[in-house]
Amino acid sequence: MGKIIIGKNGSKKEVITRKASSLFRKKGFTATSMRDIAEAIGVEAPSLYNHIESKNEILKDICFRIAKMFTDHLREVELCRKSNLEKIENIIRFHISMMIDEFESVYISDHEWKHLREPFLTDFTNQRRNYRSRLAAILQKGIDNKQINAVNPYVAVLIILSALSGIEGWQKSGKKIDAKLLEENMIKLLIEGLRNK
């Protein structure tokens, strides 16, 4: 077994997190051991503890990094001077780009977050709930301004997020459909469905 090899601008912790992310997605968080992570990197398991405390720390770092990216983007969108429908389109496009560019981390934060330990589990759950409420608030403003069809905002959020999570199937399919085509088709279906004509 050797040393952790880092790239030009990376760190050993980033190498560990990247390898762990891949394993968490393939095997699941609970089925992945520190030994599995060490073997994927090419080091002895004890050497990992020089850089991380546990696989729980890796899961926490992944989930909260992704949550911060989504929340920071949402805050920017809420403050911008666009129509509420344009704001929703912007958010959908961001979700699509995250599902393409940060797929493994987004997948883990969507599926493995339930394994977070307290107090992080409660914090993350509250962040998810708050994010959905803020999306619903943008939709409600669009409905009030007659930009968006009169639908239940909570139901609309569920449909949008469910459709976006469907990109997992595209990722697993070998990407036979071009990413840009995927994005434009999803925008057309979701935004045109919301638009008050």
C-alpha atoms as a PDB file:
ATOM      1  CA  MET A   1       0.000   0.000   0.000  1.00  0.00           C
ATOM      2  CA  GLY A   2       1.222   3.511  -0.823  1.00  0.00           C
ATOM      3  CA  LYS A   3       0.541   7.155  -0.137  1.00  0.00           C
ATOM      4  CA  ILE A   4      -2.506   9.241  -0.968  1.00  0.00           C
ATOM      5  CA  ILE A   5      -1.724  10.886  -4.299  1.00  0.00           C
ATOM      6  CA  ILE A   6      -3.214  14.352  -4.735  1.00  0.00           C
ATOM      7  CA  GLY A   7      -3.752  16.381  -7.879  1.00  0.00           C
ATOM      8  CA  LYS A   8      -2.399  19.853  -8.611  1.00  0.00           C
ATOM      9  CA  ASN A   9      -4.877  21.901  -6.580  1.00  0.00           C
ATOM     10  CA  GLY A  10      -6.369  19.198  -4.395  1.00  0.00           C
ATOM     11  CA  SER A  11      -5.848  17.914  -0.869  1.00  0.00           C
ATOM     12  CA  LYS A  12      -5.631  14.442   0.641  1.00  0.00           C
ATOM     13  CA  LYS A  13      -9.014  14.959   2.268  1.00  0.00           C
ATOM     14  CA  GLU A  14     -10.535  15.768  -1.149  1.00  0.00           C
ATOM     15  CA  VAL A  15      -9.077  12.545  -2.597  1.00  0.00           C
ATOM     16  CA  ILE A  16     -10.569  10.575   0.304  1.00  0.00           C
ATOM     17  CA  THR A  17     -13.950  12.306  -0.086  1.00  0.00           C
ATOM     18  CA  ARG A  18     -14.031  11.721  -3.856  1.00  0.00           C
ATOM     19  CA  LYS A  19     -13.271   7.991  -3.520  1.00  0.00           C
ATOM     20  CA  ALA A  20     -15.710   7.632  -0.619  1.00  0.00           C
ATOM     21  CA  SER A  21     -18.429   9.413  -2.647  1.00  0.00           C
ATOM     22  CA  SER A  22     -18.087   6.897  -5.432  1.00  0.00           C
ATOM     23  CA  LEU A  23     -18.314   3.989  -2.994  1.00  0.00           C
ATOM     24  CA  PHE A  24     -21.247   5.488  -1.074  1.00  0.00           C
ATOM     25  CA  ARG A  25     -23.157   5.825  -4.340  1.00  0.00           C
ATOM     26  CA  LYS A  26     -22.343   2.315  -5.567  1.00  0.00           C
ATOM     27  CA  LYS A  27     -22.562   0.342  -2.317  1.00  0.00           C
ATOM     28  CA  GLY A  28     -24.476   2.678  -0.004  1.00  0.00           C
ATOM     29  CA  PHE A  29     -23.133   4.436   3.070  1.00  0.00           C
ATOM     30  CA  THR A  30     -23.750   1.620   5.563  1.00  0.00           C
ATOM     31  CA  ALA A  31     -22.193  -1.073   3.342  1.00  0.00           C
ATOM     32  CA  THR A  32     -19.019   0.970   2.773  1.00  0.00           C
ATOM     33  CA  SER A  33     -16.246   0.496   5.309  1.00  0.00           C
ATOM     34  CA  MET A  34     -13.157   2.568   6.003  1.00  0.00           C
ATOM     35  CA  ARG A  35     -11.182  -0.417   4.683  1.00  0.00           C
ATOM     36  CA  ASP A  36     -13.131  -0.173   1.381  1.00  0.00           C
ATOM     37  CA  ILE A  37     -12.266   3.531   1.125  1.00  0.00           C
ATOM     38  CA  ALA A  38      -8.598   2.867   1.929  1.00  0.00           C
ATOM     39  CA  GLU A  39      -8.393   0.096  -0.698  1.00  0.00           C
ATOM     40  CA  ALA A  40      -9.977   2.358  -3.333  1.00  0.00           C
ATOM     41  CA  ILE A  41      -7.288   4.962  -2.610  1.00  0.00           C
ATOM     42  CA  GLY A  42      -4.473   2.427  -2.324  1.00  0.00           C
ATOM     43  CA  VAL A  43      -3.505   2.987   1.327  1.00  0.00           C
ATOM     44  CA  GLU A  44      -3.853   1.237   4.687  1.00  0.00           C
ATOM     45  CA  ALA A  45      -7.061   2.056   6.570  1.00  0.00           C
ATOM     46  CA  PRO A  46      -5.257   3.501   9.649  1.00  0.00           C
ATOM     47  CA  SER A  47      -3.582   6.154   7.487  1.00  0.00           C
ATOM     48  CA  LEU A  48      -7.006   7.609   6.623  1.00  0.00           C
ATOM     49  CA  TYR A  49      -7.469   8.648  10.249  1.00  0.00           C
ATOM     50  CA  ASN A  50      -4.645  11.171   9.842  1.00  0.00           C
ATOM     51  CA  HIS A  51      -7.005  13.139   7.575  1.00  0.00           C
ATOM     52  CA  ILE A  52     -10.555  12.278   8.694  1.00  0.00           C
ATOM     53  CA  GLU A  53     -12.213  11.074  11.888  1.00  0.00           C
ATOM     54  CA  SER A  54     -14.693   8.656  10.313  1.00  0.00           C
ATOM     55  CA  LYS A  55     -16.827   7.923   7.285  1.00  0.00           C
ATOM     56  CA  ASN A  56     -19.571   9.879   9.100  1.00  0.00           C
ATOM     57  CA  GLU A  57     -17.402  12.984   8.779  1.00  0.00           C
ATOM     58  CA  ILE A  58     -17.151  12.381   5.030  1.00  0.00           C
ATOM     59  CA  LEU A  59     -20.935  12.016   4.731  1.00  0.00           C
ATOM     60  CA  LYS A  60     -21.483  15.200   6.752  1.00  0.00           C
ATOM     61  CA  ASP A  61     -18.990  17.140   4.601  1.00  0.00           C
ATOM     62  CA  ILE A  62     -20.629  15.962   1.364  1.00  0.00           C
ATOM     63  CA  CYS A  63     -24.204  16.672   2.483  1.00  0.00           C
ATOM     64  CA  PHE A  64     -23.520  20.112   3.920  1.00  0.00           C
ATOM     65  CA  ARG A  65     -21.289  21.214   1.012  1.00  0.00           C
ATOM     66  CA  ILE A  66     -24.066  20.374  -1.455  1.00  0.00           C
ATOM     67  CA  ALA A  67     -26.736  21.962   0.768  1.00  0.00           C
ATOM     68  CA  LYS A  68     -24.672  25.154   0.928  1.00  0.00           C
ATOM     69  CA  MET A  69     -24.312  25.270  -2.859  1.00  0.00           C
ATOM     70  CA  PHE A  70     -28.078  24.945  -3.335  1.00  0.00           C
ATOM     71  CA  THR A  71     -28.890  27.416  -0.558  1.00  0.00           C
ATOM     72  CA  ASP A  72     -26.361  30.019  -1.761  1.00  0.00           C
ATOM     73  CA  HIS A  73     -27.788  29.814  -5.270  1.00  0.00           C
ATOM     74  CA  LEU A  74     -31.366  30.083  -3.989  1.00  0.00           C
ATOM     75  CA  ARG A  75     -30.446  33.197  -1.993  1.00  0.00           C
ATOM     76  CA  GLU A  76     -28.996  34.831  -5.144  1.00  0.00           C
ATOM     77  CA  VAL A  77     -32.132  33.978  -7.118  1.00  0.00           C
ATOM     78  CA  GLU A  78     -34.449  35.318  -4.408  1.00  0.00           C
ATOM     79  CA  LEU A  79     -32.609  38.669  -4.525  1.00  0.00           C
ATOM     80  CA  CYS A  80     -32.440  39.027  -8.322  1.00  0.00           C
ATOM     81  CA  ARG A  81     -34.828  41.253 -10.282  1.00  0.00           C
ATOM     82  CA  LYS A  82     -36.543  38.642 -12.416  1.00  0.00           C
ATOM     83  CA  SER A  83     -40.089  37.366 -12.675  1.00  0.00           C
ATOM     84  CA  ASN A  84     -40.957  34.482 -10.375  1.00  0.00           C
ATOM     85  CA  LEU A  85     -41.260  32.151 -13.369  1.00  0.00           C
ATOM     86  CA  GLU A  86     -37.746  33.172 -14.496  1.00  0.00           C
ATOM     87  CA  LYS A  87     -36.512  32.529 -10.958  1.00  0.00           C
ATOM     88  CA  ILE A  88     -37.960  29.015 -11.018  1.00  0.00           C
ATOM     89  CA  GLU A  89     -36.366  28.399 -14.423  1.00  0.00           C
ATOM     90  CA  ASN A  90     -33.012  29.583 -13.058  1.00  0.00           C
ATOM     91  CA  ILE A  91     -33.340  27.220 -10.083  1.00  0.00           C
ATOM     92  CA  ILE A  92     -34.281  24.286 -12.315  1.00  0.00           C
ATOM     93  CA  ARG A  93     -31.283  24.945 -14.577  1.00  0.00           C
ATOM     94  CA  PHE A  94     -29.020  25.057 -11.518  1.00  0.00           C
ATOM     95  CA  HIS A  95     -30.414  21.732 -10.273  1.00  0.00           C
ATOM     96  CA  ILE A  96     -29.780  20.174 -13.683  1.00  0.00           C
ATOM     97  CA  SER A  97     -26.188  21.445 -13.780  1.00  0.00           C
ATOM     98  CA  MET A  98     -25.603  20.106 -10.265  1.00  0.00           C
ATOM     99  CA  MET A  99     -27.019  16.699 -11.249  1.00  0.00           C
ATOM    100  CA  ILE A 100     -24.547  16.658 -14.167  1.00  0.00           C
ATOM    101  CA  ASP A 101     -21.429  18.262 -12.637  1.00  0.00           C
ATOM    102  CA  GLU A 102     -21.739  17.060  -9.020  1.00  0.00           C
ATOM    103  CA  PHE A 103     -23.740  13.884  -9.588  1.00  0.00           C
ATOM    104  CA  GLU A 104     -22.154  11.601  -6.988  1.00  0.00           C
ATOM    105  CA  SER A 105     -22.272  14.217  -4.230  1.00  0.00           C
ATOM    106  CA  VAL A 106     -25.849  15.257  -5.056  1.00  0.00           C
ATOM    107  CA  TYR A 107     -26.896  11.600  -5.196  1.00  0.00           C
ATOM    108  CA  ILE A 108     -25.398  11.007  -1.741  1.00  0.00           C
ATOM    109  CA  SER A 109     -26.979  14.120  -0.245  1.00  0.00           C
ATOM    110  CA  ASP A 110     -30.346  13.004  -1.700  1.00  0.00           C
ATOM    111  CA  HIS A 111     -30.173   9.334  -0.664  1.00  0.00           C
ATOM    112  CA  GLU A 112     -27.691   8.820   2.161  1.00  0.00           C
ATOM    113  CA  TRP A 113     -28.385  11.889   4.350  1.00  0.00           C
ATOM    114  CA  LYS A 114     -30.578   9.761   6.635  1.00  0.00           C
ATOM    115  CA  HIS A 115     -27.385   8.214   8.019  1.00  0.00           C
ATOM    116  CA  LEU A 116     -26.120  11.546   9.376  1.00  0.00           C
ATOM    117  CA  ARG A 117     -25.602  11.583  13.133  1.00  0.00           C
ATOM    118  CA  GLU A 118     -27.192  14.114  15.439  1.00  0.00           C
ATOM    119  CA  PRO A 119     -27.139  17.069  15.645  1.00  0.00           C
ATOM    120  CA  PHE A 120     -26.315  17.082  11.926  1.00  0.00           C
ATOM    121  CA  LEU A 121     -29.312  14.964  10.926  1.00  0.00           C
ATOM    122  CA  THR A 122     -31.793  17.463  12.409  1.00  0.00           C
ATOM    123  CA  ASP A 123     -29.884  20.419  10.960  1.00  0.00           C
ATOM    124  CA  PHE A 124     -29.817  18.883   7.477  1.00  0.00           C
ATOM    125  CA  THR A 125     -33.492  17.886   7.648  1.00  0.00           C
ATOM    126  CA  ASN A 126     -34.396  21.464   8.589  1.00  0.00           C
ATOM    127  CA  GLN A 127     -32.322  22.821   5.707  1.00  0.00           C
ATOM    128  CA  ARG A 128     -34.125  20.540   3.242  1.00  0.00           C
ATOM    129  CA  ARG A 129     -37.521  21.578   4.594  1.00  0.00           C
ATOM    130  CA  ASN A 130     -36.572  25.257   4.508  1.00  0.00           C
ATOM    131  CA  TYR A 131     -35.314  24.989   0.917  1.00  0.00           C
ATOM    132  CA  ARG A 132     -38.604  23.478  -0.249  1.00  0.00           C
ATOM    133  CA  SER A 133     -40.594  26.136   1.621  1.00  0.00           C
ATOM    134  CA  ARG A 134     -38.618  28.902  -0.066  1.00  0.00           C
ATOM    135  CA  LEU A 135     -39.204  27.328  -3.489  1.00  0.00           C
ATOM    136  CA  ALA A 136     -42.921  27.131  -2.702  1.00  0.00           C
ATOM    137  CA  ALA A 137     -42.863  30.815  -1.676  1.00  0.00           C
ATOM    138  CA  ILE A 138     -41.412  31.820  -5.076  1.00  0.00           C
ATOM    139  CA  LEU A 139     -44.098  29.760  -6.801  1.00  0.00           C
ATOM    140  CA  GLN A 140     -46.822  31.317  -4.632  1.00  0.00           C
ATOM    141  CA  LYS A 141     -45.649  34.839  -5.543  1.00  0.00           C
ATOM    142  CA  GLY A 142     -45.763  33.854  -9.214  1.00  0.00           C
ATOM    143  CA  ILE A 143     -49.296  32.516  -8.757  1.00  0.00           C
ATOM    144  CA  ASP A 144     -50.340  35.716  -6.950  1.00  0.00           C
ATOM    145  CA  ASN A 145     -48.852  37.812  -9.807  1.00  0.00           C
ATOM    146  CA  LYS A 146     -50.634  35.652 -12.424  1.00  0.00           C
ATOM    147  CA  GLN A 147     -47.266  34.562 -13.930  1.00  0.00           C
ATOM    148  CA  ILE A 148     -47.731  30.956 -12.822  1.00  0.00           C
ATOM    149  CA  ASN A 149     -50.791  28.710 -13.125  1.00  0.00           C
ATOM    150  CA  ALA A 150     -52.941  28.419 -10.018  1.00  0.00           C
ATOM    151  CA  VAL A 151     -51.510  25.176  -8.658  1.00  0.00           C
ATOM    152  CA  ASN A 152     -50.702  24.095  -5.135  1.00  0.00           C
ATOM    153  CA  PRO A 153     -47.117  25.373  -4.645  1.00  0.00           C
ATOM    154  CA  TYR A 154     -46.176  22.440  -2.416  1.00  0.00           C
ATOM    155  CA  VAL A 155     -47.349  19.941  -5.057  1.00  0.00           C
ATOM    156  CA  ALA A 156     -45.472  21.900  -7.736  1.00  0.00           C
ATOM    157  CA  VAL A 157     -42.243  21.722  -5.673  1.00  0.00           C
ATOM    158  CA  LEU A 158     -42.647  17.958  -5.257  1.00  0.00           C
ATOM    159  CA  ILE A 159     -43.199  17.483  -8.998  1.00  0.00           C
ATOM    160  CA  ILE A 160     -40.242  19.689  -9.968  1.00  0.00           C
ATOM    161  CA  LEU A 161     -37.830  18.032  -7.536  1.00  0.00           C
ATOM    162  CA  SER A 162     -39.045  14.547  -8.483  1.00  0.00           C
ATOM    163  CA  ALA A 163     -38.551  15.298 -12.171  1.00  0.00           C
ATOM    164  CA  LEU A 164     -35.049  16.619 -11.487  1.00  0.00           C
ATOM    165  CA  SER A 165     -34.099  13.559  -9.461  1.00  0.00           C
ATOM    166  CA  GLY A 166     -35.041  11.541 -12.540  1.00  0.00           C
ATOM    167  CA  ILE A 167     -31.757  12.722 -14.053  1.00  0.00           C
ATOM    168  CA  GLU A 168     -30.227   9.860 -12.054  1.00  0.00           C
ATOM    169  CA  GLY A 169     -31.684   7.532 -14.688  1.00  0.00           C
ATOM    170  CA  TRP A 170     -30.044   9.581 -17.439  1.00  0.00           C
ATOM    171  CA  GLN A 171     -26.694   9.360 -15.623  1.00  0.00           C
ATOM    172  CA  LYS A 172     -26.998   5.581 -15.294  1.00  0.00           C
ATOM    173  CA  SER A 173     -28.135   5.103 -18.914  1.00  0.00           C
ATOM    174  CA  GLY A 174     -24.772   5.992 -20.406  1.00  0.00           C
ATOM    175  CA  LYS A 175     -25.990   9.477 -21.385  1.00  0.00           C
ATOM    176  CA  LYS A 176     -27.358   8.606 -24.804  1.00  0.00           C
ATOM    177  CA  ILE A 177     -29.180  11.961 -24.789  1.00  0.00           C
ATOM    178  CA  ASP A 178     -27.060  15.117 -24.984  1.00  0.00           C
ATOM    179  CA  ALA A 179     -26.920  17.056 -21.677  1.00  0.00           C
ATOM    180  CA  LYS A 180     -28.031  20.326 -23.295  1.00  0.00           C
ATOM    181  CA  LEU A 181     -30.966  18.610 -24.994  1.00  0.00           C
ATOM    182  CA  LEU A 182     -31.924  17.047 -21.674  1.00  0.00           C
ATOM    183  CA  GLU A 183     -31.836  20.462 -19.989  1.00  0.00           C
ATOM    184  CA  GLU A 184     -33.856  22.250 -22.677  1.00  0.00           C
ATOM    185  CA  ASN A 185     -36.502  19.507 -22.773  1.00  0.00           C
ATOM    186  CA  MET A 186     -36.889  19.552 -18.999  1.00  0.00           C
ATOM    187  CA  ILE A 187     -37.175  23.359 -18.997  1.00  0.00           C
ATOM    188  CA  LYS A 188     -39.769  23.238 -21.758  1.00  0.00           C
ATOM    189  CA  LEU A 189     -41.900  20.659 -19.965  1.00  0.00           C
ATOM    190  CA  LEU A 190     -41.629  22.095 -16.459  1.00  0.00           C
ATOM    191  CA  ILE A 191     -41.719  25.842 -17.196  1.00  0.00           C
ATOM    192  CA  GLU A 192     -44.382  25.668 -19.883  1.00  0.00           C
ATOM    193  CA  GLY A 193     -46.485  23.563 -17.534  1.00  0.00           C
ATOM    194  CA  LEU A 194     -46.251  26.299 -14.896  1.00  0.00           C
ATOM    195  CA  ARG A 195     -46.645  29.299 -17.202  1.00  0.00           C
ATOM    196  CA  ASN A 196     -49.993  31.111 -16.906  1.00  0.00           C
ATOM    197  CA  LYS A 197     -51.026  31.589 -20.529  1.00  0.00           C
END
